[in-house]
Amino acid sequence: MSIPDHARANFQTLLHAAADGNLALMECADAATGETRYVICAVGRDGADFLFKPFGHLADGNPYDAYVPPSENLSDESAS
């Protein structure tokens, strides 16, 4: 499993925003379901206006239950 270039670039932007203290946690509504999401955003400026670039939302509940890390077994299963 390889991480695509656009994901790496977004991660670097997120790291720079964090290092500069330019991150925000915003309460938003999911565009598809309307459910409340807590979204991590980089904060920028355009003159007097603030710009927010969303990167993703925090996992509901236990994130260890929401994600499966990559493993050799997982890639073997997807190949069949």
N, C-alpha and C. Protein backbone atom coordinates (compact mmCIF):
# COMPACT_ATOMS: atom_id res chain seq x y z
N MET A 1 0.86 -1.17 0.00
CA MET A 1 0.00 0.00 0.00
C MET A 1 0.90 1.23 0.00
N SER A 2 0.69 2.10 -0.97
CA SER A 2 1.50 3.31 -1.09
C SER A 2 0.63 4.54 -0.86
N ILE A 3 1.18 5.48 -0.13
CA ILE A 3 0.45 6.73 0.14
C ILE A 3 0.60 7.63 -1.08
N PRO A 4 -0.53 8.10 -1.66
CA PRO A 4 -0.44 8.94 -2.87
C PRO A 4 0.17 10.32 -2.56
N ASP A 5 0.73 10.93 -3.61
CA ASP A 5 1.41 12.22 -3.47
C ASP A 5 0.51 13.31 -2.90
N HIS A 6 -0.76 13.36 -3.30
CA HIS A 6 -1.65 14.42 -2.79
C HIS A 6 -1.87 14.27 -1.29
N ALA A 7 -1.90 13.04 -0.79
CA ALA A 7 -2.06 12.82 0.65
C ALA A 7 -0.79 13.26 1.39
N ARG A 8 0.36 12.96 0.82
CA ARG A 8 1.63 13.39 1.43
C ARG A 8 1.72 14.92 1.47
N ALA A 9 1.30 15.58 0.38
CA ALA A 9 1.34 17.04 0.32
C ALA A 9 0.39 17.64 1.36
N ASN A 10 -0.80 17.10 1.47
CA ASN A 10 -1.75 17.59 2.48
C ASN A 10 -1.22 17.39 3.89
N PHE A 11 -0.56 16.26 4.13
CA PHE A 11 0.01 16.00 5.45
C PHE A 11 1.11 17.01 5.77
N GLN A 12 1.95 17.34 4.79
CA GLN A 12 2.99 18.35 5.00
C GLN A 12 2.37 19.71 5.32
N THR A 13 1.30 20.07 4.61
CA THR A 13 0.59 21.32 4.90
C THR A 13 0.06 21.31 6.32
N LEU A 14 -0.49 20.19 6.74
CA LEU A 14 -1.01 20.06 8.09
C LEU A 14 0.10 20.20 9.13
N LEU A 15 1.26 19.59 8.88
CA LEU A 15 2.40 19.72 9.79
C LEU A 15 2.87 21.16 9.90
N HIS A 16 2.95 21.86 8.77
CA HIS A 16 3.37 23.27 8.79
C HIS A 16 2.37 24.13 9.56
N ALA A 17 1.09 23.89 9.35
CA ALA A 17 0.06 24.65 10.07
C ALA A 17 0.17 24.40 11.57
N ALA A 18 0.42 23.16 11.95
CA ALA A 18 0.56 22.83 13.37
C ALA A 18 1.79 23.52 13.96
N ALA A 19 2.90 23.49 13.25
CA ALA A 19 4.13 24.12 13.74
C ALA A 19 3.96 25.62 13.91
N ASP A 20 3.14 26.23 13.05
CA ASP A 20 2.91 27.68 13.11
C ASP A 20 1.77 28.07 14.04
N GLY A 21 1.12 27.08 14.65
CA GLY A 21 -0.02 27.37 15.52
C GLY A 21 -1.27 27.78 14.74
N ASN A 22 -1.37 27.32 13.50
CA ASN A 22 -2.48 27.71 12.64
C ASN A 22 -3.43 26.55 12.35
N LEU A 23 -3.84 25.85 13.41
CA LEU A 23 -4.85 24.79 13.29
C LEU A 23 -6.08 25.20 14.07
N ALA A 24 -7.22 24.72 13.61
CA ALA A 24 -8.47 24.96 14.32
C ALA A 24 -9.27 23.67 14.32
N LEU A 25 -10.06 23.49 15.35
CA LEU A 25 -11.02 22.40 15.42
C LEU A 25 -12.39 23.04 15.31
N MET A 26 -13.11 22.70 14.25
CA MET A 26 -14.41 23.33 13.98
C MET A 26 -15.52 22.30 14.05
N GLU A 27 -16.65 22.72 14.59
CA GLU A 27 -17.85 21.88 14.57
C GLU A 27 -18.56 22.15 13.25
N CYS A 28 -18.74 21.11 12.45
CA CYS A 28 -19.37 21.24 11.14
C CYS A 28 -20.45 20.17 11.00
N ALA A 29 -21.24 20.27 9.95
CA ALA A 29 -22.22 19.25 9.62
C ALA A 29 -21.70 18.44 8.43
N ASP A 30 -21.82 17.12 8.51
CA ASP A 30 -21.45 16.25 7.41
C ASP A 30 -22.33 16.58 6.21
N ALA A 31 -21.72 16.80 5.05
CA ALA A 31 -22.47 17.21 3.86
C ALA A 31 -23.47 16.15 3.40
N ALA A 32 -23.17 14.87 3.63
CA ALA A 32 -24.04 13.80 3.16
C ALA A 32 -25.13 13.44 4.16
N THR A 33 -24.77 13.44 5.46
CA THR A 33 -25.71 12.93 6.47
C THR A 33 -26.27 14.01 7.38
N GLY A 34 -25.60 15.16 7.44
CA GLY A 34 -26.02 16.21 8.36
C GLY A 34 -25.54 16.00 9.78
N GLU A 35 -24.85 14.87 10.03
CA GLU A 35 -24.35 14.58 11.38
C GLU A 35 -23.25 15.57 11.76
N THR A 36 -23.14 15.85 13.05
CA THR A 36 -22.09 16.73 13.55
C THR A 36 -20.74 16.05 13.41
N ARG A 37 -19.78 16.79 12.90
CA ARG A 37 -18.39 16.32 12.78
C ARG A 37 -17.48 17.38 13.38
N TYR A 38 -16.40 16.94 13.98
CA TYR A 38 -15.39 17.85 14.52
C TYR A 38 -14.20 17.78 13.58
N VAL A 39 -14.00 18.87 12.82
CA VAL A 39 -13.11 18.89 11.68
C VAL A 39 -11.81 19.63 12.00
N ILE A 40 -10.69 19.00 11.68
CA ILE A 40 -9.36 19.62 11.83
C ILE A 40 -9.10 20.46 10.59
N CYS A 41 -8.82 21.76 10.80
CA CYS A 41 -8.61 22.69 9.69
C CYS A 41 -7.31 23.46 9.88
N ALA A 42 -6.63 23.72 8.75
CA ALA A 42 -5.53 24.69 8.74
C ALA A 42 -6.16 26.06 8.56
N VAL A 43 -5.59 27.05 9.23
CA VAL A 43 -6.13 28.42 9.17
C VAL A 43 -5.15 29.30 8.42
N GLY A 44 -5.67 30.02 7.43
CA GLY A 44 -4.87 30.97 6.67
C GLY A 44 -5.58 32.31 6.65
N ARG A 45 -4.95 33.29 6.03
CA ARG A 45 -5.53 34.63 5.92
C ARG A 45 -5.55 35.05 4.46
N ASP A 46 -6.57 35.79 4.10
CA ASP A 46 -6.67 36.46 2.81
C ASP A 46 -7.09 37.89 3.13
N GLY A 47 -6.11 38.76 3.33
CA GLY A 47 -6.39 40.11 3.81
C GLY A 47 -6.94 40.03 5.23
N ALA A 48 -8.13 40.58 5.43
CA ALA A 48 -8.75 40.55 6.76
C ALA A 48 -9.58 39.28 6.98
N ASP A 49 -9.75 38.46 5.93
CA ASP A 49 -10.57 37.24 6.04
C ASP A 49 -9.74 36.05 6.49
N PHE A 50 -10.35 35.17 7.26
CA PHE A 50 -9.75 33.89 7.63
C PHE A 50 -10.18 32.84 6.61
N LEU A 51 -9.26 31.95 6.26
CA LEU A 51 -9.54 30.82 5.38
C LEU A 51 -9.31 29.54 6.15
N PHE A 52 -10.22 28.59 6.02
CA PHE A 52 -10.11 27.32 6.73
C PHE A 52 -10.04 26.19 5.71
N LYS A 53 -8.97 25.40 5.77
CA LYS A 53 -8.82 24.26 4.87
C LYS A 53 -9.05 22.99 5.68
N PRO A 54 -10.16 22.30 5.43
CA PRO A 54 -10.44 21.08 6.20
C PRO A 54 -9.53 19.93 5.76
N PHE A 55 -9.07 19.15 6.75
CA PHE A 55 -8.23 17.99 6.46
C PHE A 55 -8.91 16.69 6.78
N GLY A 56 -9.82 16.70 7.71
CA GLY A 56 -10.52 15.48 8.09
C GLY A 56 -11.20 15.69 9.42
N HIS A 57 -12.02 14.72 9.79
CA HIS A 57 -12.70 14.86 11.07
C HIS A 57 -12.19 13.83 12.07
N LEU A 58 -12.38 14.15 13.33
CA LEU A 58 -12.00 13.23 14.39
C LEU A 58 -12.93 12.03 14.37
N ALA A 59 -12.40 10.87 14.66
CA ALA A 59 -13.20 9.65 14.67
C ALA A 59 -14.20 9.68 15.82
N ASP A 60 -15.41 9.25 15.53
CA ASP A 60 -16.40 9.09 16.59
C ASP A 60 -16.04 7.84 17.39
N GLY A 61 -16.25 7.88 18.68
CA GLY A 61 -15.98 6.70 19.51
C GLY A 61 -14.51 6.38 19.57
N ASN A 62 -14.20 5.11 19.61
CA ASN A 62 -12.84 4.63 19.76
C ASN A 62 -12.19 4.49 18.38
N PRO A 63 -11.18 5.32 18.07
CA PRO A 63 -10.56 5.24 16.74
C PRO A 63 -9.89 3.90 16.47
N TYR A 64 -9.53 3.16 17.52
CA TYR A 64 -8.93 1.84 17.32
C TYR A 64 -9.95 0.86 16.75
N ASP A 65 -11.23 1.14 16.96
CA ASP A 65 -12.29 0.31 16.38
C ASP A 65 -12.64 0.74 14.96
N ALA A 66 -12.28 1.96 14.58
CA ALA A 66 -12.68 2.51 13.28
C ALA A 66 -11.71 2.18 12.15
N TYR A 67 -10.46 1.87 12.47
CA TYR A 67 -9.43 1.71 11.44
C TYR A 67 -8.67 0.40 11.64
N VAL A 68 -8.22 -0.15 10.52
CA VAL A 68 -7.38 -1.34 10.54
C VAL A 68 -6.04 -0.95 9.94
N PRO A 69 -4.94 -1.12 10.69
CA PRO A 69 -3.64 -0.74 10.14
C PRO A 69 -3.25 -1.66 8.99
N PRO A 70 -2.39 -1.18 8.09
CA PRO A 70 -1.94 -2.05 7.00
C PRO A 70 -1.16 -3.23 7.56
N SER A 71 -1.32 -4.36 6.92
CA SER A 71 -0.57 -5.55 7.33
C SER A 71 -0.39 -6.44 6.12
N GLU A 72 0.50 -7.38 6.22
CA GLU A 72 0.70 -8.33 5.12
C GLU A 72 -0.57 -9.14 4.88
N ASN A 73 -1.27 -9.50 5.96
CA ASN A 73 -2.49 -10.29 5.81
C ASN A 73 -3.56 -9.51 5.05
N LEU A 74 -3.70 -8.22 5.34
CA LEU A 74 -4.70 -7.40 4.67
C LEU A 74 -4.40 -7.29 3.18
N SER A 75 -3.12 -7.08 2.80
CA SER A 75 -2.80 -6.98 1.39
C SER A 75 -2.95 -8.32 0.69
N ASP A 76 -2.70 -9.43 1.40
CA ASP A 76 -2.91 -10.75 0.81
C ASP A 76 -4.38 -10.99 0.50
N GLU A 77 -5.27 -10.55 1.41
CA GLU A 77 -6.70 -10.74 1.22
C GLU A 77 -7.22 -9.93 0.04
N SER A 78 -6.71 -8.69 -0.14
CA SER A 78 -7.21 -7.84 -1.22
C SER A 78 -6.71 -8.32 -2.58
N ALA A 79 -5.65 -9.11 -2.61
CA ALA A 79 -5.11 -9.59 -3.87
C ALA A 79 -5.93 -10.75 -4.43
N SER A 80 -6.75 -11.40 -3.60
CA SER A 80 -7.49 -12.56 -4.11
C SER A 80 -8.81 -12.20 -4.72
